[in-house]
Amino acid sequence: MIIVTCNETLDRVGVGFTCVVGVRTLKHLTSTGQVSALQLLGAPRKTLNRVAFVDMLRALSIPTTAVAPGSNYSGR
């Protein structure tokens, strides 16, 4: 699992969308407390631009439609 923030505008969510991702999973992180808790557990954090963010989603088999406010996607 990795914490990822997109520093450019994404469709439906705007700028600064932060989530935790894994293979075929995405969970929108809605508070700094959630981010801090995951970082305390050792989850690395990356900031990506829009193109890199979308490429990452494709590499992890996550559809771009999974990116939405409050999303909790699992393709398993």
Protein backbone atom coordinates (compact mmCIF):
# COMPACT_ATOMS: atom_id res chain seq x y z
CA MET A 1 0.00 0.00 0.00
CA ILE A 2 1.15 3.51 -0.81
CA ILE A 3 -0.35 6.93 -0.08
CA VAL A 4 -0.63 9.00 -3.26
CA THR A 5 -1.62 12.64 -3.75
CA CYS A 6 -2.33 14.14 -7.17
CA ASN A 7 -1.13 17.75 -7.30
CA GLU A 8 -3.12 18.56 -10.45
CA THR A 9 -6.84 18.65 -11.21
CA LEU A 10 -8.58 15.31 -11.64
CA ASP A 11 -12.08 14.86 -13.07
CA ARG A 12 -14.79 14.77 -10.36
CA VAL A 13 -12.40 15.50 -7.45
CA GLY A 14 -10.32 18.57 -8.28
CA VAL A 15 -6.81 19.25 -6.99
CA GLY A 16 -5.14 17.44 -4.09
CA PHE A 17 -6.94 14.09 -4.21
CA THR A 18 -5.21 11.81 -1.69
CA CYS A 19 -5.75 8.07 -1.50
CA VAL A 20 -4.13 4.85 -0.45
CA VAL A 21 -3.68 2.37 -3.29
CA GLY A 22 -2.70 -1.24 -3.80
CA VAL A 23 -3.26 -3.73 -6.60
CA ARG A 24 -6.91 -3.27 -7.66
CA THR A 25 -7.72 -1.22 -4.52
CA LEU A 26 -8.18 2.49 -3.85
CA LYS A 27 -9.45 4.24 -0.73
CA HIS A 28 -9.95 8.01 -0.63
CA LEU A 29 -8.30 9.54 2.43
CA THR A 30 -10.46 12.41 3.66
CA SER A 31 -8.46 13.68 6.64
CA THR A 32 -4.89 14.41 7.62
CA GLY A 33 -5.43 12.06 10.56
CA GLN A 34 -5.94 9.13 8.18
CA VAL A 35 -2.78 10.03 6.27
CA SER A 36 -0.75 10.43 9.48
CA ALA A 37 -1.96 7.10 10.87
CA LEU A 38 -0.95 5.24 7.71
CA GLN A 39 2.43 6.97 7.65
CA LEU A 40 3.00 5.91 11.27
CA LEU A 41 2.42 2.34 10.12
CA GLY A 42 5.12 2.77 7.48
CA ALA A 43 3.10 3.51 4.34
CA PRO A 44 5.21 5.59 1.95
CA ARG A 45 3.76 8.79 0.51
CA LYS A 46 4.19 10.10 -3.05
CA THR A 47 2.94 13.17 -4.88
CA LEU A 48 2.23 12.72 -8.60
CA ASN A 49 1.03 14.90 -11.46
CA ARG A 50 -2.16 13.98 -13.34
CA VAL A 51 -0.47 11.90 -16.06
CA ALA A 52 1.63 9.90 -13.59
CA PHE A 53 -1.40 9.40 -11.32
CA VAL A 54 -3.52 7.99 -14.16
CA ASP A 55 -0.61 5.80 -15.31
CA MET A 56 -0.26 4.47 -11.76
CA LEU A 57 -3.97 3.62 -11.65
CA ARG A 58 -3.71 1.70 -14.92
CA ALA A 59 -0.62 -0.18 -13.70
CA LEU A 60 -2.52 -1.24 -10.56
CA SER A 61 -5.63 -2.27 -12.56
CA ILE A 62 -7.76 0.51 -11.03
CA PRO A 63 -10.24 2.21 -13.39
CA THR A 64 -10.11 6.01 -13.47
CA THR A 65 -13.83 5.99 -12.64
CA ALA A 66 -12.85 4.74 -9.17
CA VAL A 67 -11.48 8.21 -8.41
CA ALA A 68 -14.39 9.97 -6.71
CA PRO A 69 -15.07 11.73 -3.41
CA GLY A 70 -15.31 9.11 -0.66
CA SER A 71 -14.32 6.29 -3.00
CA ASN A 72 -13.56 2.84 -1.64
CA TYR A 73 -12.82 0.70 -4.69
CA SER A 74 -11.89 -2.95 -4.64
CA GLY A 75 -11.70 -4.85 -7.90
CA ARG A 76 -11.17 -8.20 -6.25
